[in-house]
N, C-alpha and C. Protein backbone atom coordinates (compact mmCIF):
# COMPACT_ATOMS: atom_id res chain seq x y z
N MET A 1 162.18 83.39 73.35
CA MET A 1 161.78 83.06 72.08
C MET A 1 162.07 81.61 71.71
N GLN A 2 161.41 80.65 70.82
CA GLN A 2 161.71 79.36 70.43
C GLN A 2 162.18 79.44 69.01
N THR A 3 163.10 78.83 68.62
CA THR A 3 163.87 78.54 67.23
C THR A 3 163.15 77.43 66.55
N VAL A 4 162.70 77.62 65.39
CA VAL A 4 162.37 76.51 64.56
C VAL A 4 163.43 76.23 63.74
N TYR A 5 163.27 74.79 63.46
CA TYR A 5 164.24 73.99 62.86
C TYR A 5 163.65 73.32 61.78
N SER A 6 164.45 73.21 60.52
CA SER A 6 164.07 72.43 59.52
C SER A 6 164.63 71.35 59.42
N ASN A 7 164.50 70.18 59.21
CA ASN A 7 164.74 68.78 59.05
C ASN A 7 164.23 68.13 57.69
N PRO A 8 164.42 68.56 56.48
CA PRO A 8 163.97 68.01 55.35
C PRO A 8 164.63 66.21 55.01
N CYS A 9 164.05 65.85 54.21
CA CYS A 9 164.49 64.31 53.74
C CYS A 9 165.53 64.33 52.91
N THR A 10 166.50 63.48 53.04
CA THR A 10 167.91 63.85 52.32
C THR A 10 167.52 63.33 50.97
N ARG A 11 166.47 62.74 50.73
CA ARG A 11 166.17 62.06 49.52
C ARG A 11 165.14 63.00 48.50
N CYS A 12 163.79 63.23 49.36
CA CYS A 12 162.87 63.59 48.51
C CYS A 12 162.61 65.07 48.99
N GLY A 13 163.08 65.78 50.35
CA GLY A 13 162.83 67.11 50.57
C GLY A 13 161.56 67.23 51.47
N LYS A 14 160.73 66.21 51.58
CA LYS A 14 159.84 66.41 52.80
C LYS A 14 160.44 66.74 53.99
N GLU A 15 159.48 67.39 55.12
CA GLU A 15 159.77 67.48 56.02
C GLU A 15 159.62 66.20 57.05
N ARG A 16 160.69 65.82 57.56
CA ARG A 16 160.75 64.38 58.49
C ARG A 16 159.65 64.78 59.85
N ILE A 17 159.22 63.65 59.97
CA ILE A 17 158.73 63.42 61.17
C ILE A 17 159.14 62.88 62.47
N ILE A 18 158.88 62.96 63.72
CA ILE A 18 159.54 62.34 64.72
C ILE A 18 159.07 60.88 64.93
N SER A 19 159.96 59.66 64.62
CA SER A 19 159.33 58.28 65.23
C SER A 19 159.82 57.87 66.40
N LYS A 20 160.63 58.58 67.23
CA LYS A 20 160.93 58.06 68.48
C LYS A 20 161.98 59.29 69.21
N GLU A 21 161.43 59.34 70.63
CA GLU A 21 161.88 60.24 71.29
C GLU A 21 162.23 59.59 72.67
N TRP A 22 163.59 59.88 73.36
CA TRP A 22 163.83 59.12 74.45
C TRP A 22 164.95 60.26 75.25
N VAL A 23 164.70 59.81 76.52
CA VAL A 23 165.82 60.66 77.49
C VAL A 23 166.84 59.81 77.75
N GLU A 24 167.93 60.34 77.79
CA GLU A 24 169.17 59.61 78.42
C GLU A 24 169.82 60.21 79.24
N TYR A 25 170.66 59.65 80.52
CA TYR A 25 171.81 60.67 81.07
C TYR A 25 173.00 60.25 81.11
N ILE A 26 173.66 61.22 80.79
CA ILE A 26 175.50 61.13 80.68
C ILE A 26 175.91 62.03 81.90
N GLY A 27 176.33 61.17 82.88
CA GLY A 27 176.76 61.70 84.32
C GLY A 27 175.36 62.43 84.90
N LEU A 28 175.59 63.85 85.03
CA LEU A 28 174.49 64.50 85.86
C LEU A 28 173.53 65.04 84.38
N SER A 29 173.87 65.18 83.39
CA SER A 29 173.23 65.86 82.02
C SER A 29 172.34 64.88 81.78
N GLN A 30 171.07 65.57 81.42
CA GLN A 30 169.85 64.88 80.92
C GLN A 30 170.34 65.42 79.20
N ILE A 31 169.74 64.32 78.51
CA ILE A 31 169.73 64.40 77.01
C ILE A 31 168.31 63.86 76.70
N THR A 32 167.69 64.75 75.52
CA THR A 32 166.86 63.93 74.95
C THR A 32 167.07 63.67 73.48
N ARG A 33 166.95 62.55 73.11
CA ARG A 33 167.22 62.15 71.91
C ARG A 33 166.21 61.68 71.11
N THR A 34 166.37 62.12 69.43
CA THR A 34 164.99 61.92 68.64
C THR A 34 165.28 60.95 67.20
N ASP A 35 164.69 60.33 66.82
CA ASP A 35 164.46 59.79 65.74
C ASP A 35 163.73 60.32 64.58
N THR A 36 164.26 60.61 63.55
CA THR A 36 163.24 61.34 62.84
C THR A 36 163.04 60.25 61.12
N ILE A 37 162.05 60.32 60.69
CA ILE A 37 161.85 59.52 59.64
C ILE A 37 161.30 60.40 58.65
N CYS A 38 161.18 59.99 56.90
CA CYS A 38 160.35 60.61 56.34
C CYS A 38 158.80 60.33 56.34
N PRO A 39 157.97 60.95 56.04
CA PRO A 39 156.67 60.41 56.29
C PRO A 39 156.40 59.58 54.96
N ASP A 40 156.89 59.49 53.67
CA ASP A 40 156.84 58.66 52.63
C ASP A 40 157.37 57.28 53.04
N LYS A 41 156.79 56.23 53.11
CA LYS A 41 157.25 55.11 53.67
C LYS A 41 158.25 54.30 52.73
N ALA A 42 157.72 54.57 51.29
CA ALA A 42 158.33 53.98 50.42
C ALA A 42 159.90 54.50 50.43
N CYS A 43 160.00 55.95 50.23
CA CYS A 43 161.10 56.93 50.29
C CYS A 43 162.18 56.20 51.38
N GLN A 44 161.48 56.30 52.68
CA GLN A 44 162.34 56.32 53.95
C GLN A 44 163.07 54.69 53.83
N LYS A 45 162.32 53.73 52.88
CA LYS A 45 162.92 52.25 52.67
C LYS A 45 164.10 52.58 51.80
N GLN A 46 163.93 53.64 51.26
CA GLN A 46 165.00 53.70 50.03
C GLN A 46 166.25 54.36 50.74
N VAL A 47 165.65 55.21 51.91
CA VAL A 47 166.97 55.89 52.38
C VAL A 47 167.67 54.74 53.15
N ASP A 48 166.65 54.15 54.34
CA ASP A 48 167.32 52.90 54.89
C ASP A 48 168.44 52.18 54.30
N ASP A 49 167.82 51.60 53.07
CA ASP A 49 168.63 50.78 52.06
C ASP A 49 170.15 51.28 51.54
N ASP A 50 170.00 52.53 51.28
CA ASP A 50 171.26 53.19 50.99
C ASP A 50 172.11 53.64 51.86
N LEU A 51 171.32 53.81 53.11
CA LEU A 51 172.53 53.99 54.53
C LEU A 51 173.00 52.65 54.56
N GLU A 52 172.31 51.58 54.85
CA GLU A 52 172.84 49.95 55.31
C GLU A 52 173.88 49.81 53.94
N GLU A 53 173.51 49.92 52.79
CA GLU A 53 174.59 49.77 51.88
C GLU A 53 175.82 50.49 52.08
N LYS A 54 175.84 51.82 52.30
CA LYS A 54 176.89 52.74 52.63
C LYS A 54 177.82 51.95 54.08
N ARG A 55 177.12 51.52 55.10
CA ARG A 55 177.63 50.91 56.24
C ARG A 55 178.43 49.65 55.93
N LEU A 56 177.60 48.74 55.01
CA LEU A 56 178.47 47.26 54.77
C LEU A 56 179.75 47.68 54.02
N LYS A 57 179.31 48.88 52.91
CA LYS A 57 180.92 49.14 52.45
C LYS A 57 181.82 49.92 53.41
N LYS A 58 181.65 50.80 54.09
CA LYS A 58 182.80 51.35 54.98
C LYS A 58 182.72 50.00 56.11
N GLU A 59 182.28 49.05 56.53
CA GLU A 59 182.62 48.12 57.30
C GLU A 59 183.59 47.07 56.41
N ALA A 60 183.46 46.81 55.29
CA ALA A 60 184.07 46.13 54.65
C ALA A 60 185.65 46.66 54.19
N ILE A 61 185.65 48.09 53.84
CA ILE A 61 186.79 48.65 53.97
C ILE A 61 187.46 48.52 55.12
N MET A 62 187.17 48.73 56.27
CA MET A 62 187.71 48.82 57.60
C MET A 62 188.04 47.37 57.94
N ASN A 63 187.66 46.07 57.86
CA ASN A 63 187.89 45.23 57.83
C ASN A 63 189.12 44.65 56.97
N ARG A 64 189.20 45.08 55.57
CA ARG A 64 190.34 44.97 54.70
C ARG A 64 191.34 45.75 55.42
N LYS A 65 191.38 46.84 56.12
CA LYS A 65 192.76 47.43 56.63
C LYS A 65 193.37 47.09 57.57
N SER A 66 192.45 46.02 58.47
CA SER A 66 192.72 45.48 59.85
C SER A 66 193.28 44.21 59.32
N LEU A 67 193.46 43.66 58.05
CA LEU A 67 193.98 42.27 57.99
C LEU A 67 195.64 42.43 57.56
N PRO A 68 196.06 41.60 58.20
CA PRO A 68 197.73 41.69 58.23
C PRO A 68 198.31 41.89 56.94
N LYS A 69 199.54 42.41 56.86
CA LYS A 69 200.24 42.68 55.37
C LYS A 69 200.88 41.36 54.88
N THR A 70 200.80 40.75 53.84
CA THR A 70 201.46 39.59 53.68
C THR A 70 202.66 40.13 52.63
N PRO A 71 203.68 39.69 52.74
CA PRO A 71 205.07 40.35 51.92
C PRO A 71 204.94 39.39 50.74
N ILE A 72 204.95 40.20 49.56
CA ILE A 72 205.00 39.72 48.28
C ILE A 72 206.57 39.27 47.84
N ALA A 73 206.73 37.61 47.93
CA ALA A 73 207.84 37.50 47.45
C ALA A 73 208.21 36.83 45.99
């Protein structure tokens, strides 16, 4: 019996579709990877923009943490 999974869009709730599927090998294990996108192109663009904004914000925070601390005189 095969299980049916639901993968709704995080923004609009429509069922996401497969955009890319590929196979990777890690050691002797075969793993099938899948990228999914929202079928609404405008919605997917907004989701991509939001994810990029979050990534840049996280990167800025990590860069701030890695700067050497300067003592206050």
